[in-house]
Amino acid sequence: MVSPTSQEVFILGLTQNGKTFRPSDWAERLAGVMSQFRPGGARRGSHLGYSPWCVPTTMNGAKCVIVKRDLQLHEPMAWDFVMNFARDNGLQTTDACLIPEVPLDPGKPGASTASDTTKA
């Protein structure tokens, strides 16, 4: 079940019974089909890169596709296609939101700097 409050849905390359989904390039293929759906719509050459709304990646050694909720808002039929793909193939899905890595501010307490590690 997909929560309407999540920012992203992860479609994992694992079936409901834990088997690895095949073919091994399924995530890249699905993201390739979705490449035309992007902010501002399809543009010349947009098929050459993945949509920021549907990105293939690997998590914990398993292929997955991260689908952003913005896809549902702007392209509901494309959202339905991706969610139906996951359901029809018995793939595991999970609601989440990626937390971007933020570099530590060296001026704040508890942050390490290069000089901290080089002191003898």
Protein backbone atom coordinates (compact mmCIF):
# COMPACT_ATOMS: atom_id res chain seq x y z
CA MET A 1 0.00 0.00 0.00
CA VAL A 2 1.36 3.39 -0.98
CA SER A 3 0.99 6.16 1.58
CA PRO A 4 -0.20 9.48 0.14
CA THR A 5 2.08 11.35 2.57
CA SER A 6 5.36 9.81 1.41
CA GLN A 7 7.54 11.75 -0.99
CA GLU A 8 8.86 8.70 -2.80
CA VAL A 9 8.03 5.09 -3.46
CA PHE A 10 10.81 2.55 -3.82
CA ILE A 11 10.03 -0.34 -6.15
CA LEU A 12 12.42 -3.08 -5.11
CA GLY A 13 13.73 -5.74 -7.46
CA LEU A 14 12.48 -8.42 -5.09
CA THR A 15 9.23 -10.30 -5.47
CA GLN A 16 6.80 -10.64 -2.57
CA ASN A 17 8.34 -14.05 -1.79
CA GLY A 18 11.89 -12.60 -1.75
CA LYS A 19 13.18 -13.78 -5.13
CA THR A 20 15.29 -11.49 -7.31
CA PHE A 21 13.26 -10.05 -10.19
CA ARG A 22 14.53 -10.70 -13.71
CA PRO A 23 15.76 -9.50 -16.15
CA SER A 24 18.66 -7.96 -14.30
CA ASP A 25 18.28 -4.63 -16.14
CA TRP A 26 14.57 -4.21 -15.35
CA ALA A 27 15.12 -1.00 -13.35
CA GLU A 28 16.99 0.73 -16.17
CA ARG A 29 14.37 -0.40 -18.69
CA LEU A 30 11.48 0.89 -16.58
CA ALA A 31 13.22 4.21 -15.91
CA GLY A 32 14.03 4.47 -19.63
CA VAL A 33 10.36 4.11 -20.56
CA MET A 34 9.54 6.82 -18.01
CA SER A 35 12.29 9.22 -19.20
CA GLN A 36 9.86 11.41 -21.16
CA PHE A 37 7.88 12.24 -18.02
CA ARG A 38 9.69 15.11 -16.36
CA PRO A 39 9.16 18.62 -15.02
CA GLY A 40 8.23 20.85 -17.94
CA GLY A 41 7.33 17.87 -20.13
CA ALA A 42 9.32 16.00 -22.73
CA ARG A 43 11.94 18.03 -24.59
CA ARG A 44 14.28 17.30 -27.43
CA GLY A 45 16.86 14.82 -26.18
CA SER A 46 15.01 14.06 -22.93
CA HIS A 47 15.06 10.36 -23.83
CA LEU A 48 18.83 10.41 -23.33
CA GLY A 49 18.58 10.71 -19.54
CA TYR A 50 16.35 9.45 -16.77
CA SER A 51 13.47 11.51 -15.49
CA PRO A 52 14.13 13.00 -12.05
CA TRP A 53 10.74 11.50 -11.10
CA CYS A 54 11.76 7.89 -11.85
CA VAL A 55 15.37 6.94 -11.16
CA PRO A 56 16.99 3.48 -11.13
CA THR A 57 19.46 2.69 -8.36
CA THR A 58 20.70 -0.13 -6.16
CA MET A 59 19.87 -0.49 -2.47
CA ASN A 60 21.31 -3.20 -0.24
CA GLY A 61 22.51 -5.07 -3.32
CA ALA A 62 19.09 -5.12 -5.00
CA LYS A 63 18.03 -3.12 -8.04
CA CYS A 64 15.25 -0.64 -7.40
CA VAL A 65 13.49 2.35 -8.91
CA ILE A 66 12.78 5.46 -6.88
CA VAL A 67 9.52 7.04 -8.02
CA LYS A 68 8.81 10.55 -6.77
CA ARG A 69 5.28 11.52 -5.79
CA ASP A 70 5.51 14.51 -8.20
CA LEU A 71 4.98 12.03 -11.02
CA GLN A 72 1.50 11.26 -9.68
CA LEU A 73 0.63 14.95 -9.46
CA HIS A 74 1.82 15.88 -12.95
CA GLU A 75 1.37 12.62 -14.91
CA PRO A 76 -1.26 10.42 -13.20
CA MET A 77 -1.35 7.87 -16.04
CA ALA A 78 2.43 7.44 -15.89
CA TRP A 79 2.18 6.97 -12.11
CA ASP A 80 -0.49 4.31 -12.62
CA PHE A 81 1.71 2.57 -15.18
CA VAL A 82 4.66 2.34 -12.78
CA MET A 83 2.55 1.23 -9.81
CA ASN A 84 0.73 -1.35 -11.95
CA PHE A 85 4.10 -2.64 -13.19
CA ALA A 86 5.13 -3.26 -9.60
CA ARG A 87 1.81 -4.87 -8.68
CA ASP A 88 1.54 -7.02 -11.83
CA ASN A 89 5.07 -8.37 -11.29
CA GLY A 90 4.60 -8.93 -7.56
CA LEU A 91 7.41 -6.54 -6.63
CA GLN A 92 7.91 -5.20 -3.15
CA THR A 93 7.25 -1.49 -2.70
CA THR A 94 8.00 0.76 0.21
CA ASP A 95 7.20 4.38 1.00
CA ALA A 96 10.11 6.58 1.91
CA CYS A 97 11.93 9.77 1.31
CA LEU A 98 15.61 10.04 0.62
CA ILE A 99 17.52 12.23 3.02
CA PRO A 100 20.28 14.08 1.19
CA GLU A 101 23.74 13.97 2.70
CA VAL A 102 24.64 17.32 4.21
CA PRO A 103 28.30 18.11 4.75
CA LEU A 104 29.20 18.90 8.33
CA ASP A 105 29.89 22.54 9.12
CA PRO A 106 33.48 22.63 10.43
CA GLY A 107 32.60 25.61 12.64
CA LYS A 108 29.99 23.67 14.64
CA PRO A 109 30.79 21.62 17.75
CA GLY A 110 31.29 17.93 17.09
CA ALA A 111 32.32 18.40 13.45
CA SER A 112 35.74 17.11 12.48
CA THR A 113 38.06 18.94 10.18
CA ALA A 114 41.19 17.92 8.32
CA SER A 115 43.31 19.74 10.92
CA ASP A 116 41.72 17.69 13.72
CA THR A 117 42.96 14.48 12.16
CA THR A 118 46.48 15.71 11.44
CA LYS A 119 47.34 16.90 14.98
CA ALA A 120 49.97 14.81 16.69
